[in-house]
């Protein structure tokens, strides 16, 4: 459906509504409506203590919406990826090896952060990996964007996120006004998540720490500040020092288990035991059973620190991935029971080879990063169709073997 309205009859509100619905609005009309919105938002900013000079610096050059922000906001994946896909792209040989290298590189800093905040260093490294691939994402100009422009775009043209975006935009302007970062370096994701550990502006205000002592809370350029800020968030949300996030467990066959929390001792009496055969260190701790891949997949008893991790990202998959990755980086444990897959799993290096061979054949044009996203899946499907295979898009040994034959 296309909608073309005259300049004189289209208000800023109408233009924003049309854009948010994905209707056609000419660039001239969209820019005019956005400019009026920016001018009117100045009063809201002033009422929240933002000076005229700060506002002018923040919006210098921000004279149009960012269409890619709206594209990413509007077309989020509507299907839930298989659980193995989520974990395979986050907990793998490369993320573990890089985490161990970073543990050595920043040992002195991590020693100090652990002492001050009581948060496990390997948990912080896992969060750093999950949020920005140990800072690598910050070097990608296609991903990182002007936070003010992104949030102003959402506030103006995305009805669902407008309230959130206005709140975050005011917070971003306050960050700029404090001098912790200048306007040219105030960058983040399409939704305004910033720095090595991806904090939205209001979370930055609540938890940001100047750990390197240079007078600025710089989570964009200072790894110590970023990791300490993540540790501060976890501590203030109840992190229990020296305790685990949870345990991989073995379920007794044929037994039904209750929903909700029970003590670890009670779970043990019900036939739930640690998969490594060890005893639970504190039987009185409350725990909940998580089986994200069903009874035939890995099972976990998760305790308080698991839910503290969800204060960072309120998703079981996220908290579990952080915990599993942290344990592997630390060398404490690896997953014993694997996720259910309808194919033979590839190693991280083999997934990179898969991408390289698909690139050579002309099916793929993305990065050789070993991460199987929508681009890799589409390339695999195209190859499978050409070869008369079932086009499931799985990064399997079966597909790689077929690619190797030529």
Protein backbone atom coordinates (compact mmCIF):
# COMPACT_ATOMS: atom_id res chain seq x y z
CA UNK A 1 0.00 0.00 0.00
CA UNK A 2 1.30 3.46 -0.91
CA UNK A 3 0.21 6.76 0.55
CA UNK A 4 1.18 10.14 -0.93
CA UNK A 5 -0.10 13.18 0.90
CA UNK A 6 0.38 16.85 0.11
CA UNK A 7 3.02 18.83 1.98
CA UNK A 8 0.56 21.32 3.39
CA UNK A 9 -1.80 18.67 4.77
CA UNK A 10 0.72 16.36 6.42
CA UNK A 11 1.61 17.20 10.04
CA UNK A 12 4.64 15.85 11.88
CA UNK A 13 2.42 13.45 13.80
CA UNK A 14 0.73 12.16 10.65
CA UNK A 15 4.06 11.73 8.90
CA UNK A 16 5.50 9.79 11.82
CA UNK A 17 2.41 7.58 11.97
CA UNK A 18 2.60 6.86 8.25
CA UNK A 19 6.30 5.99 8.49
CA UNK A 20 5.72 3.73 11.49
CA UNK A 21 3.10 1.81 9.51
CA UNK A 22 5.50 1.32 6.62
CA UNK A 23 3.48 3.57 4.30
CA UNK A 24 5.15 5.61 1.57
CA UNK A 25 6.02 9.17 2.52
CA UNK A 26 8.24 11.27 0.28
CA UNK A 27 11.73 12.04 1.66
CA UNK A 28 10.98 15.76 1.62
CA UNK A 29 7.88 15.31 3.76
CA UNK A 30 9.64 12.93 6.12
CA UNK A 31 12.56 15.32 6.63
CA UNK A 32 10.26 18.31 7.15
CA UNK A 33 8.22 16.43 9.74
CA UNK A 34 11.35 15.21 11.51
CA UNK A 35 12.86 18.68 11.60
CA UNK A 36 9.68 20.03 13.22
CA UNK A 37 9.79 17.20 15.76
CA UNK A 38 13.43 17.96 16.62
CA UNK A 39 12.56 21.63 17.09
CA UNK A 40 9.62 20.81 19.36
CA UNK A 41 11.58 18.26 21.41
CA UNK A 42 13.99 21.01 22.42
CA UNK A 43 11.43 22.19 25.01
CA UNK A 44 11.13 18.69 26.49
CA UNK A 45 14.90 18.49 26.74
CA UNK A 46 15.09 21.90 28.43
CA UNK A 47 12.50 20.82 30.98
CA UNK A 48 14.81 17.90 31.80
CA UNK A 49 17.83 20.10 32.37
CA UNK A 50 19.44 19.92 28.94
CA UNK A 51 21.16 23.16 27.96
CA UNK A 52 20.66 24.81 24.57
CA UNK A 53 24.32 24.31 23.68
CA UNK A 54 24.19 20.59 24.50
CA UNK A 55 21.07 20.16 22.40
CA UNK A 56 22.59 22.00 19.47
CA UNK A 57 25.78 19.91 19.63
CA UNK A 58 23.82 16.68 19.87
CA UNK A 59 21.58 17.40 16.89
CA UNK A 60 24.17 19.04 14.66
CA UNK A 61 23.92 17.22 11.35
CA UNK A 62 20.93 15.16 12.52
CA UNK A 63 18.52 16.49 9.92
CA UNK A 64 16.79 13.30 8.84
CA UNK A 65 15.63 10.00 10.26
CA UNK A 66 17.79 6.88 9.94
CA UNK A 67 15.75 4.54 7.70
CA UNK A 68 17.89 1.52 8.64
CA UNK A 69 16.90 1.95 12.29
CA UNK A 70 13.23 1.69 11.34
CA UNK A 71 13.98 -1.26 9.09
CA UNK A 72 15.66 -3.15 11.94
CA UNK A 73 12.89 -2.19 14.37
CA UNK A 74 10.08 -3.13 12.01
CA UNK A 75 11.42 -6.36 10.62
CA UNK A 76 12.72 -8.25 13.59
CA UNK A 77 12.68 -12.05 13.04
CA UNK A 78 9.19 -13.40 13.69
CA UNK A 79 10.31 -16.96 14.26
CA UNK A 80 12.10 -18.37 17.23
CA UNK A 81 15.45 -19.83 16.21
CA UNK A 82 16.14 -23.39 17.36
CA UNK A 83 17.87 -23.41 20.72
CA UNK A 84 20.99 -25.04 19.28
CA UNK A 85 21.31 -22.19 16.76
CA UNK A 86 21.36 -19.56 19.52
CA UNK A 87 24.05 -21.31 21.53
CA UNK A 88 26.16 -22.46 18.58
CA UNK A 89 26.59 -18.84 17.47
CA UNK A 90 27.64 -17.66 20.94
CA UNK A 91 29.38 -20.48 22.80
CA UNK A 92 32.05 -21.90 20.52
CA UNK A 93 35.80 -22.47 20.23
CA UNK A 94 36.59 -18.94 19.06
CA UNK A 95 34.61 -17.13 21.78
CA UNK A 96 36.23 -19.36 24.41
CA UNK A 97 39.78 -18.91 23.06
CA UNK A 98 39.39 -15.14 22.76
CA UNK A 99 37.94 -14.99 26.27
CA UNK A 100 40.95 -16.81 27.67
CA UNK A 101 43.29 -14.45 25.82
CA UNK A 102 41.43 -11.45 27.22
CA UNK A 103 41.56 -12.95 30.71
CA UNK A 104 45.36 -12.90 30.46
CA UNK A 105 45.55 -9.47 28.83
CA UNK A 106 43.33 -7.79 31.43
CA UNK A 107 44.29 -9.90 34.44
CA UNK A 108 45.34 -6.95 36.61
CA UNK A 109 42.14 -5.06 35.80
CA UNK A 110 39.96 -8.12 36.40
CA UNK A 111 41.72 -8.76 39.73
CA UNK A 112 40.74 -5.28 40.87
CA UNK A 113 37.17 -5.52 39.55
CA UNK A 114 36.61 -8.86 41.31
CA UNK A 115 37.96 -7.45 44.55
CA UNK A 116 35.77 -4.34 44.40
CA UNK A 117 32.51 -5.78 43.07
CA UNK A 118 32.73 -9.50 43.88
CA UNK A 119 31.64 -10.53 40.39
CA UNK A 120 33.28 -13.51 38.69
CA UNK A 121 35.74 -12.31 36.00
CA UNK A 122 34.70 -15.04 33.60
CA UNK A 123 31.08 -13.94 33.78
CA UNK A 124 32.21 -10.44 32.78
CA UNK A 125 34.27 -11.80 29.90
CA UNK A 126 31.29 -13.85 28.70
CA UNK A 127 29.05 -10.77 28.80
CA UNK A 128 31.68 -8.81 26.86
CA UNK A 129 31.73 -11.57 24.23
CA UNK A 130 27.93 -11.76 24.02
CA UNK A 131 27.41 -8.01 23.80
CA UNK A 132 30.13 -6.84 21.42
CA UNK A 133 32.37 -9.78 20.51
CA UNK A 134 35.05 -8.42 22.84
CA UNK A 135 34.70 -4.96 21.32
CA UNK A 136 35.00 -6.00 17.68
CA UNK A 137 31.48 -4.82 16.89
CA UNK A 138 32.46 -1.27 17.85
CA UNK A 139 34.78 -1.19 14.83
CA UNK A 140 31.93 -1.95 12.43
CA UNK A 141 30.55 1.27 10.97
CA UNK A 142 27.65 -0.64 9.44
CA UNK A 143 26.44 -1.63 12.90
CA UNK A 144 27.39 1.33 15.07
CA UNK A 145 25.41 4.51 14.55
CA UNK A 146 24.77 7.95 16.01
CA UNK A 147 22.82 7.30 19.23
CA UNK A 148 21.01 10.65 19.12
CA UNK A 149 19.86 10.07 15.55
CA UNK A 150 18.80 6.48 16.25
CA UNK A 151 16.77 7.35 19.32
CA UNK A 152 15.28 10.46 17.72
CA UNK A 153 14.24 8.31 14.75
CA UNK A 154 12.47 5.83 17.03
CA UNK A 155 10.91 8.60 19.13
CA UNK A 156 9.56 10.32 16.03
CA UNK A 157 8.60 7.45 13.76
CA UNK A 158 8.11 4.26 15.80
CA UNK A 159 4.88 4.40 17.77
CA UNK A 160 5.62 1.21 19.71
CA UNK A 161 9.01 2.42 20.91
CA UNK A 162 8.38 6.16 21.07
CA UNK A 163 8.06 6.41 24.87
CA UNK A 164 11.15 4.27 25.45
CA UNK A 165 13.12 6.22 22.85
CA UNK A 166 12.22 9.64 24.30
CA UNK A 167 13.34 8.52 27.75
CA UNK A 168 16.59 7.11 26.38
CA UNK A 169 17.20 10.21 24.25
CA UNK A 170 16.97 12.50 27.28
CA UNK A 171 19.39 10.19 29.11
CA UNK A 172 21.78 10.24 26.13
CA UNK A 173 21.70 14.04 26.09
CA UNK A 174 22.53 14.08 29.82
CA UNK A 175 25.49 11.76 29.18
CA UNK A 176 26.73 14.16 26.54
CA UNK A 177 26.20 17.12 28.87
CA UNK A 178 28.31 15.55 31.64
CA UNK A 179 31.28 15.33 29.27
CA UNK A 180 31.89 11.59 29.66
CA UNK A 181 31.86 11.32 25.86
CA UNK A 182 31.62 13.84 23.03
CA UNK A 183 28.94 13.89 20.37
CA UNK A 184 31.19 12.38 17.67
CA UNK A 185 31.79 9.25 19.77
CA UNK A 186 28.28 8.82 21.21
CA UNK A 187 27.60 5.72 19.14
CA UNK A 188 25.60 2.58 19.68
CA UNK A 189 23.28 -0.02 18.18
CA UNK A 190 20.10 0.80 16.27
CA UNK A 191 18.23 0.80 19.62
CA UNK A 192 20.80 2.94 21.44
CA UNK A 193 22.81 0.24 23.28
CA UNK A 194 26.31 1.64 23.82
CA UNK A 195 29.90 0.59 24.32
CA UNK A 196 31.76 -2.66 24.88
CA UNK A 197 29.07 -3.97 27.19
CA UNK A 198 26.07 -2.44 25.37
CA UNK A 199 24.30 -0.26 27.93
CA UNK A 200 21.23 1.74 27.04
CA UNK A 201 21.52 5.37 28.24
CA UNK A 202 19.38 5.02 31.38
CA UNK A 203 21.34 1.93 32.48
CA UNK A 204 24.56 3.80 31.82
CA UNK A 205 23.34 6.58 34.12
CA UNK A 206 22.51 4.08 36.84
CA UNK A 207 25.62 1.90 36.72
CA UNK A 208 28.49 3.51 34.76
CA UNK A 209 31.85 3.51 36.56
CA UNK A 210 35.08 5.43 35.97
CA UNK A 211 37.35 2.51 36.82
CA UNK A 212 40.51 3.65 35.06
CA UNK A 213 40.47 6.91 37.03
CA UNK A 214 40.66 9.36 34.13
CA UNK A 215 37.59 11.29 35.27
CA UNK A 216 35.27 9.91 32.59
CA UNK A 217 32.94 6.92 32.53
CA UNK A 218 33.94 5.79 29.06
CA UNK A 219 32.45 2.41 28.15
CA UNK A 220 33.22 3.04 24.46
CA UNK A 221 37.01 3.27 24.67
CA UNK A 222 37.97 2.01 28.14
CA UNK A 223 37.72 -1.75 28.67
CA UNK A 224 38.22 -1.30 32.46
CA UNK A 225 35.30 1.16 32.61
CA UNK A 226 33.09 -1.13 30.52
CA UNK A 227 33.77 -4.30 32.51
CA UNK A 228 33.47 -2.51 35.84
CA UNK A 229 30.17 -1.01 34.72
CA UNK A 230 28.84 -4.49 33.93
CA UNK A 231 30.10 -5.71 37.32
CA UNK A 232 28.40 -2.79 39.06
CA UNK A 233 25.07 -3.65 37.41
CA UNK A 234 25.32 -7.28 38.53
CA UNK A 235 26.37 -6.39 42.07
CA UNK A 236 23.56 -3.87 42.52
CA UNK A 237 21.08 -6.47 41.30
CA UNK A 238 22.16 -8.98 43.94
CA UNK A 239 25.10 -10.96 42.56
CA UNK A 240 26.34 -13.47 45.12
CA UNK A 241 30.13 -13.54 45.16
CA UNK A 242 31.81 -16.92 44.98
CA UNK A 243 28.66 -18.77 43.96
CA UNK A 244 27.64 -20.49 40.75
CA UNK A 245 24.87 -19.49 38.35
CA UNK A 246 23.64 -23.08 38.11
CA UNK A 247 24.52 -26.70 37.37
CA UNK A 248 24.07 -29.05 34.45
CA UNK A 249 22.08 -32.00 35.74
CA UNK A 250 20.92 -35.48 34.85
CA UNK A 251 17.18 -36.22 35.12
CA UNK A 252 16.00 -39.59 36.37
CA UNK A 253 14.22 -41.38 33.55
CA UNK A 254 10.46 -41.65 33.78
CA UNK A 255 10.17 -39.17 36.65
CA UNK A 256 7.98 -36.06 36.49
CA UNK A 257 9.35 -32.93 38.13
CA UNK A 258 7.53 -29.97 39.69
CA UNK A 259 7.50 -26.46 38.29
CA UNK A 260 8.89 -23.61 40.34
CA UNK A 261 11.64 -23.46 42.93
CA UNK A 262 12.81 -26.17 45.30
CA UNK A 263 15.94 -26.47 47.39
CA UNK A 264 18.85 -28.25 45.75
CA UNK A 265 18.51 -30.99 48.35
CA UNK A 266 14.86 -31.45 47.43
CA UNK A 267 15.73 -31.67 43.74
CA UNK A 268 18.32 -34.29 44.56
CA UNK A 269 15.73 -36.30 46.47
CA UNK A 270 13.46 -36.07 43.43
CA UNK A 271 16.11 -37.70 41.24
CA UNK A 272 17.97 -34.69 39.84
CA UNK A 273 21.75 -35.05 40.18
CA UNK A 274 24.73 -33.06 38.92
CA UNK A 275 25.83 -34.53 35.63
CA UNK A 276 29.48 -34.60 36.76
CA UNK A 277 28.59 -36.68 39.80
CA UNK A 278 29.59 -34.02 42.32
CA UNK A 279 27.34 -32.98 45.20
CA UNK A 280 25.62 -29.62 45.39
CA UNK A 281 27.72 -27.29 47.60
CA UNK A 282 24.74 -25.64 49.35
CA UNK A 283 21.75 -27.93 49.54
CA UNK A 284 19.54 -25.25 51.02
CA UNK A 285 19.85 -22.91 48.01
CA UNK A 286 16.66 -22.48 46.01
CA UNK A 287 16.86 -23.61 42.39
CA UNK A 288 14.62 -23.99 39.36
CA UNK A 289 14.81 -26.63 36.65
CA UNK A 290 15.41 -25.39 33.10
CA UNK A 291 15.08 -27.64 30.04
CA UNK A 292 15.26 -25.24 27.10
CA UNK A 293 15.57 -28.08 24.60
CA UNK A 294 13.12 -30.49 26.20
CA UNK A 295 13.76 -33.55 28.37
CA UNK A 296 16.08 -35.04 25.75
CA UNK A 297 18.36 -32.00 25.73
CA UNK A 298 20.64 -30.49 28.38
CA UNK A 299 19.00 -29.81 31.75
CA UNK A 300 20.03 -27.29 34.39
CA UNK A 301 19.24 -26.32 37.95
CA UNK A 302 19.69 -22.55 38.09
CA UNK A 303 20.15 -20.51 41.26
CA UNK A 304 20.12 -16.83 42.29
CA UNK A 305 22.98 -15.61 40.09
CA UNK A 306 21.20 -16.90 36.98
CA UNK A 307 18.35 -14.47 37.66
CA UNK A 308 20.82 -11.66 38.34
CA UNK A 309 22.19 -12.25 34.82
CA UNK A 310 18.66 -11.76 33.52
CA UNK A 311 18.79 -8.21 34.88
CA UNK A 312 21.19 -7.64 31.99
CA UNK A 313 18.95 -9.29 29.43
CA UNK A 314 15.67 -10.81 30.57
CA UNK A 315 15.91 -14.05 28.61
CA UNK A 316 16.71 -17.57 29.81
CA UNK A 317 18.74 -18.24 26.66
CA UNK A 318 20.92 -15.19 27.29
CA UNK A 319 21.62 -15.95 30.95
CA UNK A 320 22.34 -19.59 30.18
CA UNK A 321 24.69 -18.70 27.31
CA UNK A 322 26.61 -16.30 29.58
CA UNK A 323 26.92 -18.96 32.27
CA UNK A 324 28.00 -21.73 29.90
CA UNK A 325 30.51 -19.51 28.10
CA UNK A 326 31.94 -18.25 31.39
CA UNK A 327 32.46 -21.81 32.62
CA UNK A 328 34.23 -22.80 29.41
CA UNK A 329 36.50 -19.74 29.43
CA UNK A 330 37.39 -20.53 33.05
CA UNK A 331 37.98 -24.20 32.24
CA UNK A 332 35.50 -25.18 34.93
CA UNK A 333 33.26 -27.30 32.77
CA UNK A 334 31.82 -27.83 29.31
CA UNK A 335 28.37 -28.92 28.28
CA UNK A 336 28.13 -32.70 28.71
CA UNK A 337 24.80 -33.34 27.03
CA UNK A 338 24.57 -31.58 23.68
CA UNK A 339 21.61 -29.78 22.13
CA UNK A 340 19.29 -31.75 19.90
CA UNK A 341 20.21 -31.23 16.25
CA UNK A 342 18.79 -32.87 13.10
CA UNK A 343 22.30 -32.89 11.58
CA UNK A 344 25.98 -33.44 12.36
CA UNK A 345 27.47 -30.39 14.07
CA UNK A 346 30.40 -28.46 12.59
CA UNK A 347 33.27 -26.99 14.56
CA UNK A 348 33.76 -23.22 14.45
CA UNK A 349 36.60 -23.58 11.92
CA UNK A 350 34.46 -25.87 9.78
CA UNK A 351 31.65 -23.30 9.76
CA UNK A 352 34.14 -20.73 8.49
CA UNK A 353 35.20 -23.20 5.80
CA UNK A 354 31.54 -23.71 4.91
CA UNK A 355 31.10 -19.96 4.44
CA UNK A 356 34.32 -19.74 2.40
CA UNK A 357 33.27 -22.54 0.05
CA UNK A 358 29.81 -21.00 -0.37
CA UNK A 359 31.49 -17.66 -1.13
CA UNK A 360 33.73 -19.29 -3.73
CA UNK A 361 30.67 -20.87 -5.37
CA UNK A 362 28.87 -17.51 -5.49
CA UNK A 363 26.14 -18.36 -2.98
CA UNK A 364 27.40 -16.19 -0.09
CA UNK A 365 28.73 -12.64 0.17
CA UNK A 366 29.04 -12.10 3.92
CA UNK A 367 31.84 -12.34 6.45
CA UNK A 368 33.78 -15.53 7.10
CA UNK A 369 33.03 -15.26 10.81
CA UNK A 370 31.78 -18.76 11.59
CA UNK A 371 28.43 -17.36 12.71
CA UNK A 372 25.47 -18.83 10.90
CA UNK A 373 22.96 -16.02 10.53
CA UNK A 374 20.24 -15.39 7.96
CA UNK A 375 22.76 -14.68 5.19
CA UNK A 376 24.59 -17.96 5.72
CA UNK A 377 21.33 -19.88 6.01
CA UNK A 378 20.02 -18.41 2.74
CA UNK A 379 23.28 -19.34 1.00
CA UNK A 380 23.10 -22.90 2.36
CA UNK A 381 19.50 -23.23 1.17
CA UNK A 382 20.38 -21.97 -2.31
CA UNK A 383 23.20 -24.50 -2.55
CA UNK A 384 20.94 -27.30 -1.29
CA UNK A 385 18.29 -26.45 -3.89
CA UNK A 386 20.92 -26.49 -6.65
CA UNK A 387 22.15 -29.89 -5.47
CA UNK A 388 18.70 -31.40 -5.09
CA UNK A 389 18.97 -31.55 -1.30
CA UNK A 390 16.33 -30.64 1.28
CA UNK A 391 16.66 -26.85 1.68
CA UNK A 392 16.73 -26.68 5.49
CA UNK A 393 19.61 -24.17 5.76
CA UNK A 394 21.41 -26.20 8.42
CA UNK A 395 25.20 -25.71 8.75
CA UNK A 396 25.81 -29.46 8.67
CA UNK A 397 28.70 -31.78 7.96
CA UNK A 398 26.52 -33.22 5.23
CA UNK A 399 26.47 -29.86 3.40
CA UNK A 400 30.17 -29.23 3.97
CA UNK A 401 31.05 -32.67 2.67
CA UNK A 402 29.01 -31.99 -0.47
CA UNK A 403 30.84 -28.68 -0.95
CA UNK A 404 34.19 -30.42 -0.51
CA UNK A 405 33.42 -32.93 -3.27
CA UNK A 406 34.00 -30.34 -5.98
